[in-house]
Amino acid sequence: MQGLNRFFAAALGLLVGLAALPQAWAQSYPSKPVRLVTGFPGGGPTDLMARAIGEKLQAAWKQPVIVEARPGASGALAMEQLKAAPADGYSLLVAPTNTLAVNPHLFPKLGYDPLKDFTLIARVANIDNLLAVHSGVQARNLAELSALARSQPGLLTFGSPANGSQAHLAGEFLNQHFGVKMVHVPYKGIGPAMNDLLGGQISMMFVPVANSLSNLRAGKLRAVGIPARERNASVPDVPTFAEQGIPGFEAVTWFMLIGPAGLGAEVLDKLRADMAQAMRDPDLRERFQKFGAEPPAAGEDLAAFLRADLARWGQVVRAAGIKAD
C-alpha cells in the first residue's frame, strides 16, 4: 500500500512539474539572442523603428536583439522567412502596412497569408500622411481639388514612391471617390517623387507629415487634407478627410510587430507586456517623433484591425485594376 501511495505521490509531483514548465519557460524567455527582422533596406522608417525597439527590448531582456534587414519582393521575402521560422519567440519582424494589408491583393501567388501565417503581437507605431499639392495647384481643400480635377480631366497627376505603394492606392481612392482620372506617376523611392513634386512636374502626392513640414512652411507645398481619424499636432490647421466630407477613409502608415503562427501564449503575453513598457519610454517616443511616428492606442483587437485594412485596400486595388510590377 505504501508503495502505491509513493507511486501516486510521484505521479502527482510529475504532473505539477509539467504544468509549471510553460510558465518557467516563459519566465526564462529570452535566454539567447532574438532576431528582429525588417523586409526593407536600412535607413528607412521600418529600420529606424526596429532599431529603436530592439534597443529597449535588449535593455529589458539582458539579451542581444539583432536587427536584420532582409529586403526583397516588397517585403515578401522576409515575411516568407518568418513564416518558416520556429514559433519560439526568437524570430520577430516589424511589418508596415503594405507588407500585411496591401501585398495580398497585389501578388496573386504571395507565399504567405497575413492572418493565418503569423502571430500579431503589437502595433508599434503610426505615421500620418497628408495630401500635399504643389503651390501652383489652385486647390486649398478636397472640394476645390475635386472641382479642379473635373474641369481639367487627365491633366492633374499624383506621384508615389512605387507602383502599388500606399501613396499610389490612396491616390486611386481619390479617383474613385471623385469620379475623375488623375494620372498616377510612380517613382523609385520617395526622394525622387518629392523632388518632382517640389519642381511642379507632378501635381500632388500623399507624403508623411514629417517629410513635408519644411516645404509646407516655405510655401512650396500646400496641404489639403489628412486621411486619418484625427488632426496631426504638427499641422493642426489641416483638416482630416472626414471633416471634409470623406468619412471612413484612412491612409495612415502603421507598423506591427509579428512572429510566426503558433507563438506560445506565455511568450506572447511577455512580448506584449514588454512592448507596452517600451512604448511608454519617453526616449523611444522622442526618437519616433523625429521621423513622424506616434505610438497607437493600446488594447486594440489586432486581427480585427488587420481585417478592416485588408478589406479597405483590397477594394481600392480591385476597383483600380492595380497590378504589381
Protein backbone atom coordinates (compact mmCIF):
# COMPACT_ATOMS: atom_id res chain seq x y z
CA MET A 1 0.00 0.00 0.00
CA GLN A 2 2.84 2.32 0.87
CA GLY A 3 4.40 1.57 -2.50
CA LEU A 4 1.16 2.51 -4.25
CA ASN A 5 0.96 5.77 -2.31
CA ARG A 6 4.53 6.58 -3.24
CA PHE A 7 3.66 5.91 -6.89
CA PHE A 8 0.68 8.30 -6.81
CA ALA A 9 2.72 10.93 -4.99
CA ALA A 10 5.45 10.70 -7.60
CA ALA A 11 2.93 10.88 -10.45
CA LEU A 12 1.28 13.92 -8.89
CA GLY A 13 4.64 15.61 -8.49
CA LEU A 14 5.44 14.92 -12.14
CA LEU A 15 2.14 16.44 -13.27
CA VAL A 16 2.68 19.54 -11.16
CA GLY A 17 6.16 19.88 -12.60
CA LEU A 18 4.92 19.52 -16.16
CA ALA A 19 2.18 22.10 -15.57
CA ALA A 20 4.79 24.56 -14.34
CA LEU A 21 7.05 24.12 -17.35
CA PRO A 22 5.35 26.65 -19.70
CA GLN A 23 5.38 29.33 -17.00
CA ALA A 24 9.00 28.64 -16.13
CA TRP A 25 9.95 28.66 -19.82
CA ALA A 26 8.17 31.98 -20.36
CA GLN A 27 9.93 33.46 -17.34
CA SER A 28 13.29 32.45 -18.80
CA TYR A 29 12.46 33.90 -22.25
CA PRO A 30 14.58 35.08 -23.87
CA SER A 31 17.58 33.02 -22.89
CA LYS A 32 19.51 33.68 -26.13
CA PRO A 33 19.71 36.38 -28.83
CA VAL A 34 16.48 37.43 -30.59
CA ARG A 35 16.41 38.30 -34.29
CA LEU A 36 14.29 41.32 -35.20
CA VAL A 37 13.92 41.37 -38.99
CA THR A 38 12.74 44.03 -41.42
CA GLY A 39 11.90 43.46 -45.07
CA PHE A 40 13.32 46.77 -46.30
CA PRO A 41 16.75 48.41 -46.64
CA GLY A 42 18.42 50.10 -43.70
CA GLY A 43 17.89 53.79 -43.03
CA GLY A 44 14.14 53.87 -43.74
CA PRO A 45 11.38 54.24 -41.12
CA THR A 46 10.92 50.48 -40.71
CA ASP A 47 14.63 50.04 -39.97
CA LEU A 48 14.79 53.04 -37.62
CA MET A 49 11.75 51.81 -35.75
CA ALA A 50 13.11 48.27 -35.41
CA ARG A 51 16.44 49.54 -34.08
CA ALA A 52 14.79 51.81 -31.51
CA ILE A 53 12.52 48.99 -30.33
CA GLY A 54 15.38 46.50 -30.35
CA GLU A 55 17.48 48.67 -28.05
CA LYS A 56 14.70 48.95 -25.48
CA LEU A 57 13.92 45.23 -25.53
CA GLN A 58 17.60 44.34 -25.31
CA ALA A 59 17.96 46.51 -22.21
CA ALA A 60 14.90 44.89 -20.62
CA TRP A 61 15.85 41.31 -21.52
CA LYS A 62 19.63 41.49 -20.97
CA GLN A 63 19.92 39.54 -24.22
CA PRO A 64 21.08 40.77 -27.63
CA VAL A 65 18.36 41.84 -30.07
CA ILE A 66 19.87 41.63 -33.55
CA VAL A 67 18.17 43.80 -36.18
CA GLU A 68 18.48 42.31 -39.67
CA ALA A 69 17.41 43.93 -42.95
CA ARG A 70 16.26 41.35 -45.49
CA PRO A 71 14.91 43.41 -48.38
CA GLY A 72 13.31 41.86 -51.43
CA ALA A 73 9.98 41.40 -53.22
CA SER A 74 8.29 44.36 -51.48
CA GLY A 75 8.97 42.82 -48.07
CA ALA A 76 7.61 39.41 -49.04
CA LEU A 77 10.98 37.66 -48.80
CA ALA A 78 11.37 38.47 -45.11
CA MET A 79 7.74 37.56 -44.44
CA GLU A 80 8.16 34.12 -46.01
CA GLN A 81 11.31 33.51 -43.97
CA LEU A 82 9.49 34.47 -40.78
CA LYS A 83 6.62 32.16 -41.69
CA ALA A 84 9.07 29.23 -41.83
CA ALA A 85 10.86 30.13 -38.55
CA PRO A 86 10.22 28.22 -35.29
CA ALA A 87 7.39 29.70 -33.22
CA ASP A 88 9.56 30.19 -30.15
CA GLY A 89 9.81 33.98 -29.93
CA TYR A 90 13.38 34.18 -31.19
CA SER A 91 12.41 35.36 -34.69
CA LEU A 92 10.31 38.53 -34.89
CA LEU A 93 9.59 41.05 -37.63
CA VAL A 94 8.43 44.66 -37.93
CA ALA A 95 5.92 44.81 -40.80
CA PRO A 96 4.49 48.00 -42.33
CA THR A 97 1.05 48.44 -43.88
CA ASN A 98 2.00 47.33 -47.38
CA THR A 99 3.51 44.03 -46.30
CA LEU A 100 0.47 42.88 -44.33
CA ALA A 101 -2.51 44.72 -45.84
CA VAL A 102 -1.62 45.56 -49.47
CA ASN A 103 0.68 42.83 -50.83
CA PRO A 104 -2.00 40.10 -50.52
CA HIS A 105 -4.06 42.00 -53.12
CA LEU A 106 -1.18 42.79 -55.47
CA PHE A 107 0.57 39.42 -55.67
CA PRO A 108 -1.74 36.51 -56.59
CA LYS A 109 0.95 33.94 -55.74
CA LEU A 110 2.09 35.53 -52.48
CA GLY A 111 3.81 32.97 -50.26
CA TYR A 112 2.04 33.91 -47.05
CA ASP A 113 -1.38 34.66 -45.57
CA PRO A 114 -1.22 37.72 -43.28
CA LEU A 115 -3.88 36.40 -40.90
CA LYS A 116 -3.09 32.68 -40.84
CA ASP A 117 0.70 32.52 -41.02
CA PHE A 118 1.69 34.96 -38.28
CA THR A 119 1.10 35.86 -34.65
CA LEU A 120 0.16 39.54 -34.37
CA ILE A 121 2.00 40.82 -31.30
CA ALA A 122 1.56 44.59 -31.19
CA ARG A 123 1.01 47.61 -33.39
CA VAL A 124 4.03 49.72 -32.55
CA ALA A 125 3.56 53.00 -34.43
CA ASN A 126 1.57 55.08 -36.89
CA ILE A 127 2.90 57.63 -39.35
CA ASP A 128 0.32 60.16 -40.54
CA ASN A 129 0.33 61.09 -44.21
CA LEU A 130 -1.13 64.19 -45.75
CA LEU A 131 -2.20 65.05 -49.27
CA ALA A 132 0.16 67.77 -50.47
CA VAL A 133 -0.22 69.69 -53.72
CA HIS A 134 2.36 71.84 -55.47
CA SER A 135 1.91 75.51 -54.61
CA GLY A 136 0.85 76.22 -58.18
CA VAL A 137 -2.17 73.91 -57.97
CA GLN A 138 -5.26 76.04 -57.36
CA ALA A 139 -6.86 73.93 -54.64
CA ARG A 140 -6.89 74.55 -50.89
CA ASN A 141 -9.19 71.72 -49.85
CA LEU A 142 -10.63 68.47 -51.17
CA ALA A 143 -13.74 70.10 -52.64
CA GLU A 144 -11.62 72.51 -54.70
CA LEU A 145 -9.32 69.68 -55.76
CA SER A 146 -12.28 67.61 -56.92
CA ALA A 147 -13.69 70.53 -58.91
CA LEU A 148 -10.29 71.21 -60.48
CA ALA A 149 -9.85 67.56 -61.47
CA ARG A 150 -13.27 67.55 -63.11
CA SER A 151 -12.59 70.77 -65.00
CA GLN A 152 -9.21 69.51 -66.27
CA PRO A 153 -9.69 65.78 -66.95
CA GLY A 154 -6.42 63.88 -67.28
CA LEU A 155 -4.20 66.88 -66.55
CA LEU A 156 -3.67 66.51 -62.79
CA THR A 157 -1.07 63.94 -61.72
CA PHE A 158 -0.22 62.27 -58.44
CA GLY A 159 3.11 60.69 -57.59
CA SER A 160 4.07 57.77 -55.39
CA PRO A 161 7.30 56.07 -54.25
CA ALA A 162 6.35 52.92 -56.18
CA ASN A 163 3.58 51.19 -58.05
CA GLY A 164 1.31 49.51 -55.50
CA SER A 165 2.55 51.66 -52.62
CA GLN A 166 0.13 53.09 -50.10
CA ALA A 167 0.50 56.55 -51.71
CA HIS A 168 -0.48 55.01 -55.06
CA LEU A 169 -3.55 53.31 -53.60
CA ALA A 170 -4.59 56.46 -51.74
CA GLY A 171 -4.45 58.43 -54.99
CA GLU A 172 -6.56 55.81 -56.75
CA PHE A 173 -9.07 56.05 -53.92
CA LEU A 174 -9.43 59.77 -54.65
CA ASN A 175 -10.00 58.98 -58.32
CA GLN A 176 -12.76 56.56 -57.36
CA HIS A 177 -14.34 58.87 -54.81
CA PHE A 178 -14.26 61.96 -57.03
CA GLY A 179 -15.17 60.07 -60.19
CA VAL A 180 -12.17 61.52 -62.03
CA LYS A 181 -8.96 60.28 -63.64
CA MET A 182 -5.87 61.88 -62.17
CA VAL A 183 -2.78 60.21 -63.65
CA HIS A 184 -0.50 58.13 -61.44
CA VAL A 185 3.25 58.67 -61.81
CA PRO A 186 5.33 56.02 -59.98
CA TYR A 187 8.91 56.66 -58.85
CA LYS A 188 11.70 54.61 -57.31
CA GLY A 189 11.51 55.96 -53.78
CA ILE A 190 10.04 58.97 -52.03
CA GLY A 191 13.09 61.19 -52.69
CA PRO A 192 12.75 61.42 -56.49
CA ALA A 193 8.96 61.78 -56.15
CA MET A 194 9.33 64.67 -53.68
CA ASN A 195 11.84 66.39 -55.98
CA ASP A 196 9.37 66.33 -58.86
CA LEU A 197 6.51 67.45 -56.62
CA LEU A 198 8.56 70.45 -55.48
CA GLY A 199 9.53 71.17 -59.08
CA GLY A 200 5.92 71.05 -60.25
CA GLN A 201 6.43 68.06 -62.55
CA ILE A 202 3.61 66.31 -60.67
CA SER A 203 0.56 67.95 -59.10
CA MET A 204 0.25 66.16 -55.76
CA MET A 205 1.26 63.24 -53.58
CA PHE A 206 0.42 61.59 -50.27
CA VAL A 207 3.51 62.16 -48.13
CA PRO A 208 4.42 61.57 -44.48
CA VAL A 209 3.77 64.68 -42.41
CA ALA A 210 7.36 64.81 -41.15
CA ASN A 211 8.72 64.77 -44.74
CA SER A 212 6.63 67.76 -45.78
CA LEU A 213 6.82 70.23 -42.88
CA SER A 214 9.71 72.39 -44.07
CA ASN A 215 8.26 72.71 -47.57
CA LEU A 216 4.80 73.49 -46.24
CA ARG A 217 6.24 76.26 -44.07
CA ALA A 218 8.25 77.60 -47.00
CA GLY A 219 5.11 77.76 -49.15
CA LYS A 220 6.44 75.31 -51.73
CA LEU A 221 3.68 72.79 -50.96
CA ARG A 222 0.12 73.11 -49.68
CA ALA A 223 -1.66 70.53 -47.52
CA VAL A 224 -5.28 69.92 -48.49
CA GLY A 225 -6.19 67.16 -46.03
CA ILE A 226 -5.09 64.36 -43.72
CA PRO A 227 -6.54 60.84 -44.23
CA ALA A 228 -6.55 59.99 -40.51
CA ARG A 229 -9.06 59.86 -37.66
CA GLU A 230 -7.70 62.96 -36.00
CA ARG A 231 -5.76 66.05 -36.98
CA ASN A 232 -1.99 65.89 -36.64
CA ALA A 233 -0.41 68.05 -33.94
CA SER A 234 2.38 69.12 -36.30
CA VAL A 235 -0.14 70.63 -38.76
CA PRO A 236 -3.16 71.41 -36.56
CA ASP A 237 -4.80 73.66 -39.17
CA VAL A 238 -5.04 70.89 -41.77
CA PRO A 239 -8.47 69.19 -41.56
CA THR A 240 -8.98 65.46 -41.88
CA PHE A 241 -10.69 63.85 -44.84
CA ALA A 242 -13.68 63.09 -42.61
CA GLU A 243 -14.03 66.76 -41.71
CA GLN A 244 -14.19 67.49 -45.45
CA GLY A 245 -16.95 65.02 -46.16
CA ILE A 246 -14.98 61.81 -46.84
CA PRO A 247 -15.51 59.67 -43.73
CA GLY A 248 -14.11 56.20 -43.19
CA PHE A 249 -11.01 56.54 -45.36
CA GLU A 250 -7.61 56.37 -43.68
CA ALA A 251 -4.17 56.20 -45.27
CA VAL A 252 -2.07 56.02 -42.14
CA THR A 253 1.15 54.04 -42.44
CA TRP A 254 1.26 51.66 -39.49
CA PHE A 255 3.86 49.19 -38.28
CA MET A 256 3.20 45.91 -36.49
CA LEU A 257 5.46 43.54 -34.55
CA ILE A 258 4.72 39.96 -35.58
CA GLY A 259 6.06 36.44 -35.09
CA PRO A 260 5.42 33.06 -36.71
CA ALA A 261 1.99 31.49 -36.29
CA GLY A 262 1.53 29.42 -33.15
CA LEU A 263 3.61 31.55 -30.78
CA GLY A 264 3.00 30.27 -27.23
CA ALA A 265 0.58 32.23 -25.07
CA GLU A 266 3.09 32.77 -22.27
CA VAL A 267 5.79 34.15 -24.55
CA LEU A 268 3.19 36.22 -26.42
CA ASP A 269 1.98 37.76 -23.16
CA LYS A 270 5.55 38.61 -22.19
CA LEU A 271 6.28 40.16 -25.58
CA ARG A 272 3.14 42.29 -25.39
CA ALA A 273 3.87 43.40 -21.83
CA ASP A 274 7.48 44.28 -22.62
CA MET A 275 6.48 46.11 -25.80
CA ALA A 276 3.89 48.11 -23.87
CA GLN A 277 6.57 49.07 -21.36
CA ALA A 278 8.97 50.07 -24.13
CA MET A 279 6.32 52.21 -25.84
CA ARG A 280 5.85 54.19 -22.62
CA ASP A 281 9.54 55.13 -22.59
CA PRO A 282 9.90 58.91 -23.22
CA ASP A 283 13.18 58.37 -25.07
CA LEU A 284 11.55 55.95 -27.53
CA ARG A 285 8.64 58.32 -28.12
CA GLU A 286 11.05 61.17 -28.79
CA ARG A 287 13.03 59.07 -31.26
CA PHE A 288 9.84 58.05 -33.04
CA GLN A 289 8.64 61.65 -33.26
CA LYS A 290 11.80 62.65 -35.14
CA PHE A 291 10.55 60.73 -38.16
CA GLY A 292 6.87 61.43 -37.60
CA ALA A 293 5.86 58.21 -35.82
CA GLU A 294 3.42 58.08 -32.92
CA PRO A 295 2.50 55.09 -30.72
CA PRO A 296 -1.07 53.85 -31.36
CA ALA A 297 -3.78 53.34 -28.77
CA ALA A 298 -3.27 50.27 -26.59
CA GLY A 299 -5.59 47.31 -26.22
CA GLU A 300 -6.92 47.02 -29.76
CA ASP A 301 -8.02 43.81 -31.47
CA LEU A 302 -5.14 43.38 -33.92
CA ALA A 303 -6.83 40.73 -36.06
CA ALA A 304 -9.97 42.87 -36.47
CA PHE A 305 -7.83 45.90 -37.28
CA LEU A 306 -5.89 43.99 -39.94
CA ARG A 307 -9.05 42.51 -41.48
CA ALA A 308 -10.53 46.00 -41.83
CA ASP A 309 -7.40 47.36 -43.52
CA LEU A 310 -7.17 44.34 -45.82
CA ALA A 311 -10.76 44.97 -46.90
CA ARG A 312 -10.15 48.71 -47.38
CA TRP A 313 -7.11 48.35 -49.62
CA GLY A 314 -8.46 45.30 -51.42
CA GLN A 315 -11.46 47.29 -52.59
CA VAL A 316 -9.22 50.05 -53.95
CA VAL A 317 -6.88 47.60 -55.73
CA ARG A 318 -9.74 45.73 -57.41
CA ALA A 319 -11.60 48.86 -58.49
CA ALA A 320 -8.47 50.47 -59.97
CA GLY A 321 -7.18 47.23 -61.50
CA ILE A 322 -3.74 47.73 -59.93
CA LYS A 323 -1.15 45.07 -60.74
CA ALA A 324 2.25 44.53 -59.14
CA ASP A 325 5.31 45.33 -61.25
